[in-house]
Amino acid sequence: MMLPSALGSCSAAACDVHIRPFMGARICATARPRRHQRVARARAAAVASPEAANQLTPLNNLFEDACKYHDVQVSVKLEHSTEGSGIGLFAVRSISQGDTILRVPKSLCIILDNDTGSLSIPKGDWPRLTGGIMQETALTWDILMALALMDATAGNGDQFWELYSDHFLQQPENLILPMCWSDDLLQQLQHSAIVAAAQQQQQRLRTLLPPEYMQPIDQGLPSYLQW
């Protein structure tokens, strides 16, 4: 069963995801496992088949073990989307409005208070994230999260985030946002408005952050920042 739309909230100890009434939506973005050049290509593409389900079992076991070890309370599990759009989180029981489907300890969360500028992060160095927060030009939350994931993929975060980036991030070559595409791929869209918007977003990243952050991971792939 796909999850309906969700609403997040935080208490003193944890951040929760609750169900709210909204027909037709689902809670989680698709994901495919591996960190580029650091995680093996052993897993097949995410398609709804018995073979794919068997290949997903070790990853779901890893997800469940990680949740138990880090005291993350879940009512979901990893499964292949029946729409062929990758791997997602699916409910394991009937869900009602107001139910908590995911509870993550605050010690694992990256929390930036936009009103006060205060930052709460897990233990670790987080050099790109903290450097981005210290910039004179205020960065938006999506860019700060991208910097945090860059730290995680480089081993500069904490154990939980490194595990997440190793196994649960979408593969760079499977990103579908035009902002993540090379000029060659963008031109194949043959849609001037989409191409212009994607190039504008890419230029914004180059302006806000060090240029090396936008160097492609490999030929035809996005940069680590775009990923």
Protein backbone atom coordinates (compact mmCIF):
# COMPACT_ATOMS: atom_id res chain seq x y z
CA MET A 1 0.00 0.00 0.00
CA MET A 2 1.37 3.41 -0.94
CA LEU A 3 1.39 6.02 1.77
CA PRO A 4 -0.83 9.10 1.46
CA SER A 5 0.48 12.60 1.93
CA ALA A 6 2.49 13.15 5.10
CA LEU A 7 3.19 15.98 7.50
CA GLY A 8 6.34 16.34 9.62
CA SER A 9 6.71 17.66 13.15
CA CYS A 10 9.50 17.78 15.74
CA SER A 11 9.49 17.40 19.50
CA ALA A 12 12.37 17.79 21.93
CA ALA A 13 13.61 14.26 21.25
CA ALA A 14 12.52 13.22 17.77
CA CYS A 15 11.13 14.24 14.39
CA ASP A 16 7.94 12.47 13.29
CA VAL A 17 6.15 11.97 9.99
CA HIS A 18 2.35 11.81 10.36
CA ILE A 19 -0.40 10.95 7.90
CA ARG A 20 -2.66 13.78 6.77
CA PRO A 21 -5.70 13.41 4.48
CA PHE A 22 -4.82 13.94 0.83
CA MET A 23 -5.96 11.46 -1.78
CA GLY A 24 -3.64 10.22 -4.49
CA ALA A 25 -0.27 11.32 -3.12
CA ARG A 26 2.52 9.19 -1.76
CA ILE A 27 5.15 9.91 0.78
CA CYS A 28 8.46 8.91 -0.52
CA ALA A 29 10.74 9.74 -3.37
CA THR A 30 12.15 6.88 -5.37
CA ALA A 31 15.65 5.72 -4.60
CA ARG A 32 18.17 3.30 -5.96
CA PRO A 33 21.09 2.06 -3.90
CA ARG A 34 24.75 2.95 -4.29
CA ARG A 35 27.30 5.71 -3.84
CA HIS A 36 28.99 6.36 -7.18
CA GLN A 37 32.33 4.50 -7.51
CA ARG A 38 32.09 3.34 -3.88
CA VAL A 39 29.14 0.96 -3.97
CA ALA A 40 29.16 -2.03 -6.33
CA ARG A 41 26.76 -2.22 -9.27
CA ALA A 42 25.49 -5.61 -8.07
CA ARG A 43 21.87 -4.52 -7.70
CA ALA A 44 19.61 -4.70 -10.73
CA ALA A 45 17.26 -1.97 -11.92
CA ALA A 46 14.21 -1.53 -9.74
CA VAL A 47 11.36 -3.26 -11.52
CA ALA A 48 8.43 -5.16 -10.10
CA SER A 49 9.49 -8.79 -10.63
CA PRO A 50 10.28 -11.80 -8.40
CA GLU A 51 13.96 -11.53 -9.30
CA ALA A 52 14.05 -7.83 -8.36
CA ALA A 53 12.20 -8.54 -5.12
CA ASN A 54 14.82 -11.15 -4.18
CA GLN A 55 17.60 -8.66 -4.89
CA LEU A 56 15.87 -6.03 -2.76
CA THR A 57 15.66 -8.27 0.32
CA PRO A 58 19.26 -7.63 1.53
CA LEU A 59 18.76 -3.88 1.11
CA ASN A 60 15.49 -3.94 3.03
CA ASN A 61 17.19 -6.00 5.76
CA LEU A 62 19.91 -3.35 5.90
CA PHE A 63 17.24 -0.64 6.17
CA GLU A 64 15.49 -2.47 9.03
CA ASP A 65 18.76 -3.18 10.85
CA ALA A 66 19.86 0.45 10.52
CA CYS A 67 16.51 1.66 11.89
CA LYS A 68 16.77 -0.66 14.88
CA TYR A 69 20.39 0.24 15.60
CA HIS A 70 19.73 3.98 15.41
CA ASP A 71 16.35 3.81 17.20
CA VAL A 72 14.35 4.95 14.16
CA GLN A 73 10.74 3.79 14.55
CA VAL A 74 9.05 2.91 11.24
CA SER A 75 5.80 1.49 9.93
CA VAL A 76 7.17 1.22 6.40
CA LYS A 77 9.50 -0.99 4.39
CA LEU A 78 11.42 -0.77 1.13
CA GLU A 79 9.67 -2.18 -1.92
CA HIS A 80 9.79 -1.82 -5.67
CA SER A 81 7.22 0.53 -7.11
CA THR A 82 4.57 -1.16 -9.22
CA GLU A 83 4.85 1.87 -11.51
CA GLY A 84 8.45 0.95 -12.36
CA SER A 85 9.77 4.21 -10.89
CA GLY A 86 12.33 2.69 -8.53
CA ILE A 87 12.34 1.82 -4.85
CA GLY A 88 10.13 3.52 -2.29
CA LEU A 89 8.82 3.29 1.26
CA PHE A 90 5.52 1.43 1.55
CA ALA A 91 3.24 0.98 4.55
CA VAL A 92 3.33 -2.40 6.29
CA ARG A 93 -0.05 -1.95 8.01
CA SER A 94 -3.25 0.05 7.66
CA ILE A 95 -2.58 3.76 8.22
CA SER A 96 -5.06 6.27 9.58
CA GLN A 97 -4.99 10.05 9.73
CA GLY A 98 -2.76 11.22 12.56
CA ASP A 99 -0.75 7.98 12.78
CA THR A 100 3.02 8.29 13.12
CA ILE A 101 4.66 6.33 10.33
CA LEU A 102 8.27 7.42 10.89
CA ARG A 103 10.02 8.67 14.03
CA VAL A 104 13.67 9.71 13.81
CA PRO A 105 15.74 10.76 16.86
CA LYS A 106 16.73 14.40 16.67
CA SER A 107 20.35 13.35 17.18
CA LEU A 108 20.28 11.98 13.60
CA CYS A 109 18.57 15.00 12.03
CA ILE A 110 20.01 18.04 10.31
CA ILE A 111 17.86 20.94 11.55
CA LEU A 112 18.31 24.57 10.55
CA ASP A 113 16.04 27.16 12.14
CA ASN A 114 15.51 29.81 9.47
CA ASP A 115 14.24 32.31 12.03
CA THR A 116 17.16 32.11 14.45
CA GLY A 117 19.86 30.65 12.22
CA SER A 118 20.58 27.94 14.80
CA LEU A 119 21.88 24.62 13.49
CA SER A 120 21.56 21.14 14.94
CA ILE A 121 23.56 18.38 13.23
CA PRO A 122 24.71 14.85 14.12
CA LYS A 123 28.26 14.31 15.33
CA GLY A 124 30.78 14.67 12.52
CA ASP A 125 32.90 17.24 10.69
CA TRP A 126 30.35 18.38 8.04
CA PRO A 127 32.84 20.85 6.47
CA ARG A 128 30.79 21.72 3.38
CA LEU A 129 27.56 22.13 5.31
CA THR A 130 29.05 24.33 8.02
CA GLY A 131 30.99 26.30 5.41
CA GLY A 132 27.80 26.91 3.46
CA ILE A 133 25.99 28.13 6.56
CA MET A 134 28.82 30.55 7.32
CA GLN A 135 28.68 32.17 3.86
CA GLU A 136 27.65 35.82 3.69
CA THR A 137 24.98 34.96 1.14
CA ALA A 138 22.30 32.91 2.90
CA LEU A 139 21.78 29.53 1.22
CA THR A 140 18.36 27.92 0.94
CA TRP A 141 17.55 24.64 2.69
CA ASP A 142 17.79 22.54 -0.48
CA ILE A 143 21.37 23.66 -1.15
CA LEU A 144 22.32 23.12 2.49
CA MET A 145 20.91 19.59 2.31
CA ALA A 146 22.90 18.99 -0.87
CA LEU A 147 26.06 20.09 0.95
CA ALA A 148 25.21 17.75 3.82
CA LEU A 149 24.86 14.83 1.41
CA MET A 150 28.19 15.77 -0.19
CA ASP A 151 29.76 15.55 3.27
CA ALA A 152 28.08 12.19 3.83
CA THR A 153 29.29 10.72 0.53
CA ALA A 154 32.81 11.90 1.33
CA GLY A 155 32.74 10.28 4.77
CA ASN A 156 32.64 13.62 6.61
CA GLY A 157 29.24 13.09 8.23
CA ASP A 158 28.23 10.56 10.84
CA GLN A 159 27.69 6.79 10.63
CA PHE A 160 23.97 6.97 9.91
CA TRP A 161 24.29 9.50 7.08
CA GLU A 162 27.23 7.68 5.55
CA LEU A 163 25.18 4.47 5.51
CA TYR A 164 22.32 6.36 3.88
CA SER A 165 24.51 7.83 1.16
CA ASP A 166 26.27 4.51 0.56
CA HIS A 167 23.15 2.46 -0.06
CA PHE A 168 19.96 4.48 -0.46
CA LEU A 169 20.74 7.45 -2.70
CA GLN A 170 19.54 7.41 -6.28
CA GLN A 171 22.28 6.59 -8.78
CA PRO A 172 23.66 9.70 -10.55
CA GLU A 173 22.92 8.31 -14.01
CA ASN A 174 19.25 7.82 -13.09
CA LEU A 175 18.47 11.39 -12.03
CA ILE A 176 15.56 12.76 -14.04
CA LEU A 177 15.63 16.46 -13.12
CA PRO A 178 16.79 18.53 -16.11
CA MET A 179 18.92 20.60 -13.70
CA CYS A 180 21.12 17.51 -13.32
CA TRP A 181 21.62 16.94 -17.03
CA SER A 182 24.52 17.90 -19.27
CA ASP A 183 24.03 20.38 -22.12
CA ASP A 184 24.00 17.50 -24.63
CA LEU A 185 21.10 15.81 -22.86
CA LEU A 186 19.24 19.08 -22.36
CA GLN A 187 19.33 19.85 -26.07
CA GLN A 188 17.69 16.50 -26.78
CA LEU A 189 14.59 17.71 -24.95
CA GLN A 190 13.94 20.18 -27.78
CA HIS A 191 12.09 22.39 -25.29
CA SER A 192 13.66 25.82 -25.00
CA ALA A 193 11.81 26.84 -21.81
CA ILE A 194 12.86 23.72 -19.85
CA VAL A 195 16.44 23.99 -21.12
CA ALA A 196 16.64 27.66 -20.15
CA ALA A 197 15.26 26.99 -16.66
CA ALA A 198 17.69 24.10 -16.07
CA GLN A 199 20.66 26.15 -17.23
CA GLN A 200 19.56 29.02 -14.99
CA GLN A 201 19.48 26.68 -11.98
CA GLN A 202 22.92 25.31 -12.85
CA GLN A 203 24.35 28.81 -13.16
CA ARG A 204 22.84 29.74 -9.78
CA LEU A 205 24.75 26.87 -8.15
CA ARG A 206 27.99 27.92 -9.85
CA THR A 207 27.50 31.46 -8.55
CA LEU A 208 26.70 30.53 -4.96
CA LEU A 209 29.31 27.83 -4.36
CA PRO A 210 32.93 26.98 -5.23
CA PRO A 211 33.25 26.01 -8.93
CA GLU A 212 34.74 22.59 -8.15
CA TYR A 213 31.42 21.57 -6.60
CA MET A 214 29.90 21.62 -10.10
CA GLN A 215 32.56 19.45 -11.75
CA PRO A 216 30.87 16.35 -13.28
CA ILE A 217 31.42 13.08 -11.43
CA ASP A 218 32.18 11.50 -14.78
CA GLN A 219 31.41 12.13 -18.43
CA GLY A 220 27.67 12.45 -18.92
CA LEU A 221 26.96 12.50 -15.17
CA PRO A 222 25.97 15.39 -12.89
CA SER A 223 28.27 16.90 -10.29
CA TYR A 224 28.27 15.72 -6.69
CA LEU A 225 26.39 18.90 -5.77
CA GLN A 226 23.63 18.23 -8.33
CA TRP A 227 23.45 14.59 -7.27
